[in-house]
Amino acid sequence: MANITIRDLPDNTKENLRVLAAKSGVSLEAYARLVLQKASSSDSFLQQNILDLAGKYFGRKYGVELGLPERSSTRGEINFEQ
């Protein structure tokens, strides 16, 4: 089994997890393990595409507009009637 260390976890996050673990009747470690297992094995987590992830972390909520650039072509029209 692997081990993981999480640095700089806000105190309130740890406290919230501890309370949720107590309500579930398990230790903080067991609850964190369960949360990580569920999050990493869910279909929605594994099937997110890159555009959805970019929007989630860099979208309007963070002041970034991810619009598509205008398409243009440098080629002229092709004439097949020669």
N, C-alpha and C. Protein backbone atom coordinates (compact mmCIF):
# COMPACT_ATOMS: atom_id res chain seq x y z
N MET A 1 0.83 -1.18 0.00
CA MET A 1 0.00 0.00 0.00
C MET A 1 0.88 1.25 0.00
N ALA A 2 0.43 2.25 -0.71
CA ALA A 2 1.17 3.51 -0.79
C ALA A 2 0.76 4.45 0.34
N ASN A 3 1.64 5.37 0.64
CA ASN A 3 1.37 6.42 1.63
C ASN A 3 1.36 7.76 0.93
N ILE A 4 0.63 8.71 1.50
CA ILE A 4 0.57 10.05 0.93
C ILE A 4 0.62 11.06 2.07
N THR A 5 1.32 12.17 1.84
CA THR A 5 1.38 13.27 2.79
C THR A 5 0.79 14.49 2.11
N ILE A 6 -0.12 15.17 2.78
CA ILE A 6 -0.73 16.37 2.22
C ILE A 6 -0.26 17.55 3.06
N ARG A 7 0.52 18.42 2.43
CA ARG A 7 1.04 19.60 3.13
C ARG A 7 0.12 20.79 2.91
N ASP A 8 0.18 21.72 3.82
CA ASP A 8 -0.55 22.99 3.73
C ASP A 8 -2.05 22.81 3.59
N LEU A 9 -2.59 21.80 4.22
CA LEU A 9 -4.04 21.60 4.25
C LEU A 9 -4.62 22.59 5.26
N PRO A 10 -5.58 23.40 4.83
CA PRO A 10 -6.16 24.37 5.78
C PRO A 10 -6.74 23.66 7.00
N ASP A 11 -6.59 24.30 8.16
CA ASP A 11 -7.08 23.72 9.41
C ASP A 11 -8.57 23.41 9.35
N ASN A 12 -9.35 24.30 8.74
CA ASN A 12 -10.80 24.07 8.70
C ASN A 12 -11.14 22.87 7.82
N THR A 13 -10.34 22.60 6.80
CA THR A 13 -10.58 21.42 5.96
C THR A 13 -10.37 20.15 6.76
N LYS A 14 -9.28 20.12 7.52
CA LYS A 14 -9.01 18.95 8.36
C LYS A 14 -10.11 18.78 9.40
N GLU A 15 -10.55 19.87 10.00
CA GLU A 15 -11.60 19.80 11.01
C GLU A 15 -12.91 19.31 10.41
N ASN A 16 -13.24 19.81 9.21
CA ASN A 16 -14.47 19.36 8.54
C ASN A 16 -14.41 17.87 8.24
N LEU A 17 -13.26 17.39 7.78
CA LEU A 17 -13.10 15.96 7.51
C LEU A 17 -13.21 15.14 8.79
N ARG A 18 -12.64 15.67 9.87
CA ARG A 18 -12.71 14.97 11.16
C ARG A 18 -14.15 14.83 11.63
N VAL A 19 -14.93 15.90 11.48
CA VAL A 19 -16.34 15.87 11.89
C VAL A 19 -17.12 14.88 11.02
N LEU A 20 -16.89 14.92 9.71
CA LEU A 20 -17.58 13.99 8.80
C LEU A 20 -17.20 12.54 9.11
N ALA A 21 -15.92 12.32 9.44
CA ALA A 21 -15.47 10.98 9.80
C ALA A 21 -16.17 10.50 11.07
N ALA A 22 -16.27 11.38 12.06
CA ALA A 22 -16.93 11.02 13.31
C ALA A 22 -18.40 10.69 13.08
N LYS A 23 -19.07 11.47 12.22
CA LYS A 23 -20.47 11.20 11.91
C LYS A 23 -20.64 9.86 11.21
N SER A 24 -19.60 9.46 10.46
CA SER A 24 -19.65 8.19 9.74
C SER A 24 -19.18 7.03 10.60
N GLY A 25 -18.64 7.35 11.77
CA GLY A 25 -18.19 6.31 12.68
C GLY A 25 -16.86 5.69 12.32
N VAL A 26 -16.02 6.45 11.62
CA VAL A 26 -14.70 5.95 11.25
C VAL A 26 -13.64 6.98 11.62
N SER A 27 -12.39 6.57 11.55
CA SER A 27 -11.30 7.49 11.86
C SER A 27 -11.12 8.49 10.72
N LEU A 28 -10.41 9.57 11.02
CA LEU A 28 -10.11 10.57 10.00
C LEU A 28 -9.34 9.94 8.85
N GLU A 29 -8.38 9.10 9.17
CA GLU A 29 -7.58 8.43 8.14
C GLU A 29 -8.44 7.54 7.26
N ALA A 30 -9.32 6.76 7.87
CA ALA A 30 -10.20 5.88 7.09
C ALA A 30 -11.15 6.68 6.22
N TYR A 31 -11.65 7.80 6.75
CA TYR A 31 -12.58 8.63 5.98
C TYR A 31 -11.87 9.28 4.79
N ALA A 32 -10.67 9.81 5.03
CA ALA A 32 -9.89 10.43 3.94
C ALA A 32 -9.58 9.39 2.87
N ARG A 33 -9.24 8.17 3.28
CA ARG A 33 -8.97 7.10 2.34
C ARG A 33 -10.20 6.81 1.47
N LEU A 34 -11.35 6.75 2.12
CA LEU A 34 -12.60 6.49 1.40
C LEU A 34 -12.92 7.61 0.40
N VAL A 35 -12.76 8.86 0.83
CA VAL A 35 -13.01 10.00 -0.06
C VAL A 35 -12.09 9.95 -1.27
N LEU A 36 -10.82 9.68 -1.05
CA LEU A 36 -9.86 9.61 -2.16
C LEU A 36 -10.16 8.44 -3.10
N GLN A 37 -10.54 7.30 -2.54
CA GLN A 37 -10.88 6.15 -3.37
C GLN A 37 -12.09 6.44 -4.24
N LYS A 38 -13.12 7.03 -3.65
CA LYS A 38 -14.33 7.34 -4.42
C LYS A 38 -14.05 8.38 -5.50
N ALA A 39 -13.30 9.41 -5.15
CA ALA A 39 -13.02 10.48 -6.11
C ALA A 39 -12.18 9.99 -7.29
N SER A 40 -11.23 9.12 -7.01
CA SER A 40 -10.34 8.67 -8.08
C SER A 40 -10.91 7.54 -8.92
N SER A 41 -11.98 6.92 -8.47
CA SER A 41 -12.54 5.81 -9.24
C SER A 41 -13.88 6.13 -9.89
N SER A 42 -14.37 7.35 -9.69
CA SER A 42 -15.67 7.69 -10.28
C SER A 42 -15.53 7.89 -11.78
N ASP A 43 -16.56 7.51 -12.52
CA ASP A 43 -16.54 7.65 -13.97
C ASP A 43 -16.42 9.10 -14.39
N SER A 44 -17.10 10.00 -13.69
CA SER A 44 -17.06 11.41 -14.09
C SER A 44 -15.65 11.96 -13.94
N PHE A 45 -14.91 11.51 -12.94
CA PHE A 45 -13.53 11.96 -12.76
C PHE A 45 -12.66 11.49 -13.92
N LEU A 46 -12.84 10.24 -14.33
CA LEU A 46 -12.00 9.66 -15.36
C LEU A 46 -12.38 10.11 -16.77
N GLN A 47 -13.61 10.57 -16.97
CA GLN A 47 -14.07 10.89 -18.31
C GLN A 47 -14.13 12.39 -18.59
N GLN A 48 -13.63 13.22 -17.71
CA GLN A 48 -13.63 14.66 -17.98
C GLN A 48 -12.67 14.94 -19.13
N ASN A 49 -13.10 15.78 -20.04
CA ASN A 49 -12.19 16.12 -21.13
C ASN A 49 -11.40 17.37 -20.77
N ILE A 50 -10.41 17.65 -21.55
CA ILE A 50 -9.49 18.75 -21.25
C ILE A 50 -10.20 20.10 -21.25
N LEU A 51 -11.20 20.28 -22.11
CA LEU A 51 -11.92 21.54 -22.15
C LEU A 51 -12.71 21.76 -20.86
N ASP A 52 -13.35 20.71 -20.36
CA ASP A 52 -14.08 20.82 -19.10
C ASP A 52 -13.14 21.16 -17.94
N LEU A 53 -11.99 20.51 -17.91
CA LEU A 53 -11.03 20.78 -16.85
C LEU A 53 -10.48 22.20 -16.93
N ALA A 54 -10.19 22.66 -18.14
CA ALA A 54 -9.69 24.03 -18.31
C ALA A 54 -10.74 25.04 -17.86
N GLY A 55 -11.99 24.80 -18.22
CA GLY A 55 -13.06 25.69 -17.80
C GLY A 55 -13.24 25.70 -16.30
N LYS A 56 -13.08 24.54 -15.70
CA LYS A 56 -13.25 24.42 -14.25
C LYS A 56 -12.21 25.24 -13.49
N TYR A 57 -10.96 25.22 -13.94
CA TYR A 57 -9.89 25.87 -13.21
C TYR A 57 -9.50 27.24 -13.74
N PHE A 58 -9.83 27.53 -15.00
CA PHE A 58 -9.40 28.80 -15.58
C PHE A 58 -10.55 29.56 -16.24
N GLY A 59 -11.78 29.20 -15.97
CA GLY A 59 -12.93 29.79 -16.64
C GLY A 59 -13.36 31.12 -16.05
N ARG A 60 -14.60 31.47 -16.33
CA ARG A 60 -15.16 32.77 -15.94
C ARG A 60 -15.04 33.03 -14.44
N LYS A 61 -15.16 31.98 -13.65
CA LYS A 61 -15.07 32.14 -12.20
C LYS A 61 -13.76 32.79 -11.79
N TYR A 62 -12.71 32.55 -12.57
CA TYR A 62 -11.39 33.09 -12.26
C TYR A 62 -11.03 34.26 -13.17
N GLY A 63 -12.03 34.83 -13.86
CA GLY A 63 -11.79 36.01 -14.68
C GLY A 63 -11.18 35.73 -16.03
N VAL A 64 -11.25 34.51 -16.49
CA VAL A 64 -10.67 34.16 -17.79
C VAL A 64 -11.79 33.72 -18.72
N GLU A 65 -11.84 34.31 -19.89
CA GLU A 65 -12.83 33.92 -20.89
C GLU A 65 -12.14 33.01 -21.90
N LEU A 66 -12.63 31.79 -22.01
CA LEU A 66 -12.01 30.81 -22.90
C LEU A 66 -12.77 30.73 -24.22
N GLY A 67 -12.81 31.83 -24.94
CA GLY A 67 -13.49 31.84 -26.23
C GLY A 67 -12.63 31.19 -27.30
N LEU A 68 -13.29 30.72 -28.34
CA LEU A 68 -12.56 30.13 -29.46
C LEU A 68 -12.12 31.24 -30.40
N PRO A 69 -10.92 31.17 -30.93
CA PRO A 69 -10.47 32.20 -31.88
C PRO A 69 -11.24 32.07 -33.20
N GLU A 70 -11.33 33.19 -33.92
CA GLU A 70 -11.98 33.14 -35.22
C GLU A 70 -11.16 32.29 -36.17
N ARG A 71 -11.85 31.54 -37.00
CA ARG A 71 -11.16 30.71 -37.98
C ARG A 71 -10.98 31.49 -39.26
N SER A 72 -9.84 31.32 -39.87
CA SER A 72 -9.58 31.97 -41.15
C SER A 72 -8.68 31.06 -41.97
N SER A 73 -8.71 31.29 -43.25
CA SER A 73 -7.90 30.47 -44.15
C SER A 73 -7.03 31.39 -45.00
N THR A 74 -5.80 30.99 -45.20
CA THR A 74 -4.91 31.78 -46.06
C THR A 74 -4.96 31.27 -47.49
N ARG A 75 -5.66 30.16 -47.70
CA ARG A 75 -5.80 29.61 -49.05
C ARG A 75 -6.92 30.31 -49.79
N GLY A 76 -6.74 30.45 -51.09
CA GLY A 76 -7.80 30.99 -51.92
C GLY A 76 -8.79 29.90 -52.30
N GLU A 77 -9.84 30.29 -52.99
CA GLU A 77 -10.84 29.31 -53.43
C GLU A 77 -10.26 28.45 -54.54
N ILE A 78 -10.69 27.20 -54.59
CA ILE A 78 -10.23 26.27 -55.62
C ILE A 78 -11.26 26.26 -56.74
N ASN A 79 -10.77 26.39 -57.98
CA ASN A 79 -11.65 26.38 -59.14
C ASN A 79 -11.45 25.06 -59.88
N PHE A 80 -12.48 24.22 -59.93
CA PHE A 80 -12.39 22.92 -60.59
C PHE A 80 -12.85 22.97 -62.05
N GLU A 81 -13.26 24.11 -62.55
CA GLU A 81 -13.78 24.24 -63.91
C GLU A 81 -12.69 24.75 -64.86
N GLN A 82 -11.66 24.03 -65.09
CA GLN A 82 -10.58 24.49 -65.97
C GLN A 82 -10.63 23.84 -67.30
